[in-house]
Amino acid sequence: MNTVIFLKECRAELEKVSWPSKEEVVKSTGVVLVTVVFFSLFIFVTDSLFVWLLKKFWELAG
């Protein structure tokens, strides 16, 4: 395929894209960050609980 034709087709496709506004990007980024922090804390607390439980079981066995 000719490179010029390929680039023209790429440009034509990019003109069809509906790009989000700055406000939409900022709001979406905020939602992603809050979600990541929430699930990170959830996994941390859950992991800490399992470690604590395992230590208690090891103390009973040993």
PDB file of N, CA and C in Angstrom:
ATOM      1  N   MET A   1       0.847  -1.179   0.000  1.00  0.00           N
ATOM      2  CA  MET A   1       0.000   0.000   0.000  1.00  0.00           C
ATOM      3  C   MET A   1       0.890   1.238   0.000  1.00  0.00           C
ATOM      4  N   ASN A   2       0.477   2.217  -0.707  1.00  0.00           N
ATOM      5  CA  ASN A   2       1.218   3.465  -0.803  1.00  0.00           C
ATOM      6  C   ASN A   2       1.142   4.213   0.536  1.00  0.00           C
ATOM      7  N   THR A   3       2.259   4.734   0.969  1.00  0.00           N
ATOM      8  CA  THR A   3       2.325   5.425   2.255  1.00  0.00           C
ATOM      9  C   THR A   3       1.445   6.660   2.276  1.00  0.00           C
ATOM     10  N   VAL A   4       1.394   7.398   1.194  1.00  0.00           N
ATOM     11  CA  VAL A   4       0.588   8.623   1.137  1.00  0.00           C
ATOM     12  C   VAL A   4      -0.894   8.278   1.286  1.00  0.00           C
ATOM     13  N   ILE A   5      -1.339   7.245   0.605  1.00  0.00           N
ATOM     14  CA  ILE A   5      -2.736   6.829   0.702  1.00  0.00           C
ATOM     15  C   ILE A   5      -3.053   6.386   2.133  1.00  0.00           C
ATOM     16  N   PHE A   6      -2.137   5.640   2.722  1.00  0.00           N
ATOM     17  CA  PHE A   6      -2.326   5.177   4.094  1.00  0.00           C
ATOM     18  C   PHE A   6      -2.477   6.352   5.052  1.00  0.00           C
ATOM     19  N   LEU A   7      -1.616   7.352   4.931  1.00  0.00           N
ATOM     20  CA  LEU A   7      -1.681   8.510   5.818  1.00  0.00           C
ATOM     21  C   LEU A   7      -2.961   9.312   5.607  1.00  0.00           C
ATOM     22  N   LYS A   8      -3.417   9.429   4.360  1.00  0.00           N
ATOM     23  CA  LYS A   8      -4.677  10.139   4.082  1.00  0.00           C
ATOM     24  C   LYS A   8      -5.859   9.398   4.712  1.00  0.00           C
ATOM     25  N   GLU A   9      -5.844   8.073   4.628  1.00  0.00           N
ATOM     26  CA  GLU A   9      -6.920   7.295   5.230  1.00  0.00           C
ATOM     27  C   GLU A   9      -6.894   7.386   6.749  1.00  0.00           C
ATOM     28  N   CYS A  10      -5.717   7.404   7.330  1.00  0.00           N
ATOM     29  CA  CYS A  10      -5.592   7.565   8.787  1.00  0.00           C
ATOM     30  C   CYS A  10      -6.151   8.906   9.221  1.00  0.00           C
ATOM     31  N   ARG A  11      -5.824   9.941   8.484  1.00  0.00           N
ATOM     32  CA  ARG A  11      -6.320  11.279   8.822  1.00  0.00           C
ATOM     33  C   ARG A  11      -7.836  11.327   8.699  1.00  0.00           C
ATOM     34  N   ALA A  12      -8.369  10.709   7.658  1.00  0.00           N
ATOM     35  CA  ALA A  12      -9.823  10.690   7.476  1.00  0.00           C
ATOM     36  C   ALA A  12     -10.508   9.971   8.626  1.00  0.00           C
ATOM     37  N   GLU A  13      -9.924   8.885   9.091  1.00  0.00           N
ATOM     38  CA  GLU A  13     -10.507   8.153  10.217  1.00  0.00           C
ATOM     39  C   GLU A  13     -10.427   8.963  11.509  1.00  0.00           C
ATOM     40  N   LEU A  14      -9.320   9.652  11.716  1.00  0.00           N
ATOM     41  CA  LEU A  14      -9.169  10.451  12.938  1.00  0.00           C
ATOM     42  C   LEU A  14     -10.140  11.620  12.973  1.00  0.00           C
ATOM     43  N   GLU A  15     -10.546  12.116  11.804  1.00  0.00           N
ATOM     44  CA  GLU A  15     -11.526  13.203  11.775  1.00  0.00           C
ATOM     45  C   GLU A  15     -12.913  12.714  12.181  1.00  0.00           C
ATOM     46  N   LYS A  16     -13.172  11.420  12.086  1.00  0.00           N
ATOM     47  CA  LYS A  16     -14.459  10.843  12.475  1.00  0.00           C
ATOM     48  C   LYS A  16     -14.554  10.605  13.979  1.00  0.00           C
ATOM     49  N   VAL A  17     -13.426  10.647  14.671  1.00  0.00           N
ATOM     50  CA  VAL A  17     -13.393  10.346  16.101  1.00  0.00           C
ATOM     51  C   VAL A  17     -14.060  11.466  16.882  1.00  0.00           C
ATOM     52  N   SER A  18     -14.859  11.074  17.871  1.00  0.00           N
ATOM     53  CA  SER A  18     -15.486  12.038  18.770  1.00  0.00           C
ATOM     54  C   SER A  18     -14.587  12.192  19.993  1.00  0.00           C
ATOM     55  N   TRP A  19     -13.809  13.259  20.044  1.00  0.00           N
ATOM     56  CA  TRP A  19     -12.848  13.466  21.122  1.00  0.00           C
ATOM     57  C   TRP A  19     -13.554  14.039  22.339  1.00  0.00           C
ATOM     58  N   PRO A  20     -13.195  13.595  23.547  1.00  0.00           N
ATOM     59  CA  PRO A  20     -13.831  14.134  24.758  1.00  0.00           C
ATOM     60  C   PRO A  20     -13.337  15.550  25.047  1.00  0.00           C
ATOM     61  N   SER A  21     -14.190  16.290  25.756  1.00  0.00           N
ATOM     62  CA  SER A  21     -13.794  17.644  26.154  1.00  0.00           C
ATOM     63  C   SER A  21     -12.827  17.560  27.340  1.00  0.00           C
ATOM     64  N   LYS A  22     -12.232  18.694  27.653  1.00  0.00           N
ATOM     65  CA  LYS A  22     -11.278  18.733  28.774  1.00  0.00           C
ATOM     66  C   LYS A  22     -11.987  18.367  30.083  1.00  0.00           C
ATOM     67  N   GLU A  23     -13.210  18.863  30.260  1.00  0.00           N
ATOM     68  CA  GLU A  23     -13.954  18.581  31.481  1.00  0.00           C
ATOM     69  C   GLU A  23     -14.245  17.083  31.608  1.00  0.00           C
ATOM     70  N   GLU A  24     -14.589  16.437  30.503  1.00  0.00           N
ATOM     71  CA  GLU A  24     -14.853  14.998  30.535  1.00  0.00           C
ATOM     72  C   GLU A  24     -13.599  14.211  30.900  1.00  0.00           C
ATOM     73  N   VAL A  25     -12.469  14.642  30.378  1.00  0.00           N
ATOM     74  CA  VAL A  25     -11.205  13.961  30.678  1.00  0.00           C
ATOM     75  C   VAL A  25     -10.853  14.123  32.155  1.00  0.00           C
ATOM     76  N   VAL A  26     -11.036  15.330  32.676  1.00  0.00           N
ATOM     77  CA  VAL A  26     -10.718  15.588  34.086  1.00  0.00           C
ATOM     78  C   VAL A  26     -11.633  14.766  34.996  1.00  0.00           C
ATOM     79  N   LYS A  27     -12.941  14.739  34.680  1.00  0.00           N
ATOM     80  CA  LYS A  27     -13.881  13.956  35.501  1.00  0.00           C
ATOM     81  C   LYS A  27     -13.561  12.461  35.432  1.00  0.00           C
ATOM     82  N   SER A  28     -13.284  11.974  34.252  1.00  0.00           N
ATOM     83  CA  SER A  28     -12.969  10.544  34.102  1.00  0.00           C
ATOM     84  C   SER A  28     -11.685  10.192  34.840  1.00  0.00           C
ATOM     85  N   THR A  29     -10.695  11.060  34.770  1.00  0.00           N
ATOM     86  CA  THR A  29      -9.438  10.832  35.481  1.00  0.00           C
ATOM     87  C   THR A  29      -9.682  10.783  36.987  1.00  0.00           C
ATOM     88  N   GLY A  30     -10.528  11.685  37.480  1.00  0.00           N
ATOM     89  CA  GLY A  30     -10.864  11.685  38.904  1.00  0.00           C
ATOM     90  C   GLY A  30     -11.533  10.390  39.327  1.00  0.00           C
ATOM     91  N   VAL A  31     -12.463   9.911  38.519  1.00  0.00           N
ATOM     92  CA  VAL A  31     -13.154   8.655  38.829  1.00  0.00           C
ATOM     93  C   VAL A  31     -12.159   7.498  38.860  1.00  0.00           C
ATOM     94  N   VAL A  32     -11.258   7.474  37.898  1.00  0.00           N
ATOM     95  CA  VAL A  32     -10.253   6.398  37.847  1.00  0.00           C
ATOM     96  C   VAL A  32      -9.357   6.452  39.077  1.00  0.00           C
ATOM     97  N   LEU A  33      -8.890   7.634  39.444  1.00  0.00           N
ATOM     98  CA  LEU A  33      -8.007   7.757  40.609  1.00  0.00           C
ATOM     99  C   LEU A  33      -8.709   7.336  41.899  1.00  0.00           C
ATOM    100  N   VAL A  34      -9.946   7.761  42.081  1.00  0.00           N
ATOM    101  CA  VAL A  34     -10.693   7.378  43.282  1.00  0.00           C
ATOM    102  C   VAL A  34     -10.893   5.868  43.314  1.00  0.00           C
ATOM    103  N   THR A  35     -11.225   5.282  42.177  1.00  0.00           N
ATOM    104  CA  THR A  35     -11.433   3.838  42.106  1.00  0.00           C
ATOM    105  C   THR A  35     -10.149   3.078  42.421  1.00  0.00           C
ATOM    106  N   VAL A  36      -9.024   3.538  41.879  1.00  0.00           N
ATOM    107  CA  VAL A  36      -7.744   2.879  42.135  1.00  0.00           C
ATOM    108  C   VAL A  36      -7.381   2.963  43.615  1.00  0.00           C
ATOM    109  N   VAL A  37      -7.567   4.120  44.222  1.00  0.00           N
ATOM    110  CA  VAL A  37      -7.254   4.282  45.644  1.00  0.00           C
ATOM    111  C   VAL A  37      -8.161   3.379  46.487  1.00  0.00           C
ATOM    112  N   PHE A  38      -9.453   3.353  46.165  1.00  0.00           N
ATOM    113  CA  PHE A  38     -10.395   2.518  46.923  1.00  0.00           C
ATOM    114  C   PHE A  38     -10.002   1.051  46.873  1.00  0.00           C
ATOM    115  N   PHE A  39      -9.776   0.533  45.657  1.00  0.00           N
ATOM    116  CA  PHE A  39      -9.456  -0.883  45.540  1.00  0.00           C
ATOM    117  C   PHE A  39      -8.069  -1.206  46.090  1.00  0.00           C
ATOM    118  N   SER A  40      -7.145  -0.264  46.012  1.00  0.00           N
ATOM    119  CA  SER A  40      -5.828  -0.483  46.611  1.00  0.00           C
ATOM    120  C   SER A  40      -5.958  -0.621  48.130  1.00  0.00           C
ATOM    121  N   LEU A  41      -6.735   0.249  48.735  1.00  0.00           N
ATOM    122  CA  LEU A  41      -6.950   0.157  50.179  1.00  0.00           C
ATOM    123  C   LEU A  41      -7.690  -1.133  50.547  1.00  0.00           C
ATOM    124  N   PHE A  42      -8.675  -1.507  49.754  1.00  0.00           N
ATOM    125  CA  PHE A  42      -9.412  -2.743  50.009  1.00  0.00           C
ATOM    126  C   PHE A  42      -8.489  -3.951  49.955  1.00  0.00           C
ATOM    127  N   ILE A  43      -7.652  -4.021  48.938  1.00  0.00           N
ATOM    128  CA  ILE A  43      -6.718  -5.142  48.809  1.00  0.00           C
ATOM    129  C   ILE A  43      -5.699  -5.128  49.941  1.00  0.00           C
ATOM    130  N   PHE A  44      -5.225  -3.951  50.331  1.00  0.00           N
ATOM    131  CA  PHE A  44      -4.275  -3.851  51.432  1.00  0.00           C
ATOM    132  C   PHE A  44      -4.888  -4.367  52.732  1.00  0.00           C
ATOM    133  N   VAL A  45      -6.113  -3.929  53.032  1.00  0.00           N
ATOM    134  CA  VAL A  45      -6.775  -4.348  54.269  1.00  0.00           C
ATOM    135  C   VAL A  45      -7.054  -5.852  54.238  1.00  0.00           C
ATOM    136  N   THR A  46      -7.535  -6.345  53.113  1.00  0.00           N
ATOM    137  CA  THR A  46      -7.818  -7.779  52.991  1.00  0.00           C
ATOM    138  C   THR A  46      -6.541  -8.603  53.146  1.00  0.00           C
ATOM    139  N   ASP A  47      -5.473  -8.180  52.498  1.00  0.00           N
ATOM    140  CA  ASP A  47      -4.200  -8.890  52.601  1.00  0.00           C
ATOM    141  C   ASP A  47      -3.676  -8.864  54.035  1.00  0.00           C
ATOM    142  N   SER A  48      -3.768  -7.713  54.676  1.00  0.00           N
ATOM    143  CA  SER A  48      -3.312  -7.609  56.064  1.00  0.00           C
ATOM    144  C   SER A  48      -4.114  -8.531  56.975  1.00  0.00           C
ATOM    145  N   LEU A  49      -5.414  -8.621  56.748  1.00  0.00           N
ATOM    146  CA  LEU A  49      -6.252  -9.509  57.543  1.00  0.00           C
ATOM    147  C   LEU A  49      -5.841 -10.971  57.345  1.00  0.00           C
ATOM    148  N   PHE A  50      -5.605 -11.371  56.105  1.00  0.00           N
ATOM    149  CA  PHE A  50      -5.186 -12.752  55.850  1.00  0.00           C
ATOM    150  C   PHE A  50      -3.832 -13.053  56.475  1.00  0.00           C
ATOM    151  N   VAL A  51      -2.910 -12.126  56.419  1.00  0.00           N
ATOM    152  CA  VAL A  51      -1.603 -12.335  57.043  1.00  0.00           C
ATOM    153  C   VAL A  51      -1.772 -12.494  58.550  1.00  0.00           C
ATOM    154  N   TRP A  52      -2.595 -11.655  59.150  1.00  0.00           N
ATOM    155  CA  TRP A  52      -2.839 -11.739  60.592  1.00  0.00           C
ATOM    156  C   TRP A  52      -3.456 -13.090  60.958  1.00  0.00           C
ATOM    157  N   LEU A  53      -4.453 -13.518  60.157  1.00  0.00           N
ATOM    158  CA  LEU A  53      -5.080 -14.821  60.416  1.00  0.00           C
ATOM    159  C   LEU A  53      -4.088 -15.967  60.266  1.00  0.00           C
ATOM    160  N   LEU A  54      -3.260 -15.929  59.250  1.00  0.00           N
ATOM    161  CA  LEU A  54      -2.263 -16.982  59.064  1.00  0.00           C
ATOM    162  C   LEU A  54      -1.281 -17.032  60.228  1.00  0.00           C
ATOM    163  N   LYS A  55      -0.873 -15.884  60.720  1.00  0.00           N
ATOM    164  CA  LYS A  55       0.037 -15.860  61.865  1.00  0.00           C
ATOM    165  C   LYS A  55      -0.626 -16.476  63.090  1.00  0.00           C
ATOM    166  N   LYS A  56      -1.918 -16.195  63.295  1.00  0.00           N
ATOM    167  CA  LYS A  56      -2.643 -16.782  64.429  1.00  0.00           C
ATOM    168  C   LYS A  56      -2.728 -18.312  64.287  1.00  0.00           C
ATOM    169  N   PHE A  57      -3.000 -18.789  63.073  1.00  0.00           N
ATOM    170  CA  PHE A  57      -3.041 -20.234  62.863  1.00  0.00           C
ATOM    171  C   PHE A  57      -1.693 -20.870  63.094  1.00  0.00           C
ATOM    172  N   TRP A  58      -0.617 -20.229  62.655  1.00  0.00           N
ATOM    173  CA  TRP A  58       0.731 -20.767  62.863  1.00  0.00           C
ATOM    174  C   TRP A  58       1.092 -20.820  64.342  1.00  0.00           C
ATOM    175  N   GLU A  59       0.622 -19.812  65.097  1.00  0.00           N
ATOM    176  CA  GLU A  59       0.869 -19.827  66.531  1.00  0.00           C
ATOM    177  C   GLU A  59       0.146 -20.997  67.193  1.00  0.00           C
ATOM    178  N   LEU A  60      -1.062 -21.308  66.731  1.00  0.00           N
ATOM    179  CA  LEU A  60      -1.803 -22.433  67.300  1.00  0.00           C
ATOM    180  C   LEU A  60      -1.127 -23.769  66.951  1.00  0.00           C
ATOM    181  N   ALA A  61      -0.580 -23.854  65.752  1.00  0.00           N
ATOM    182  CA  ALA A  61       0.046 -25.107  65.312  1.00  0.00           C
ATOM    183  C   ALA A  61       1.411 -25.310  65.941  1.00  0.00           C
ATOM    184  N   GLY A  62       2.095 -24.230  66.234  1.00  0.00           N
ATOM    185  CA  GLY A  62       3.479 -24.356  66.696  1.00  0.00           C
ATOM    186  C   GLY A  62       3.603 -24.249  68.138  1.00  0.00           C
TER     187      GLY A  62
END
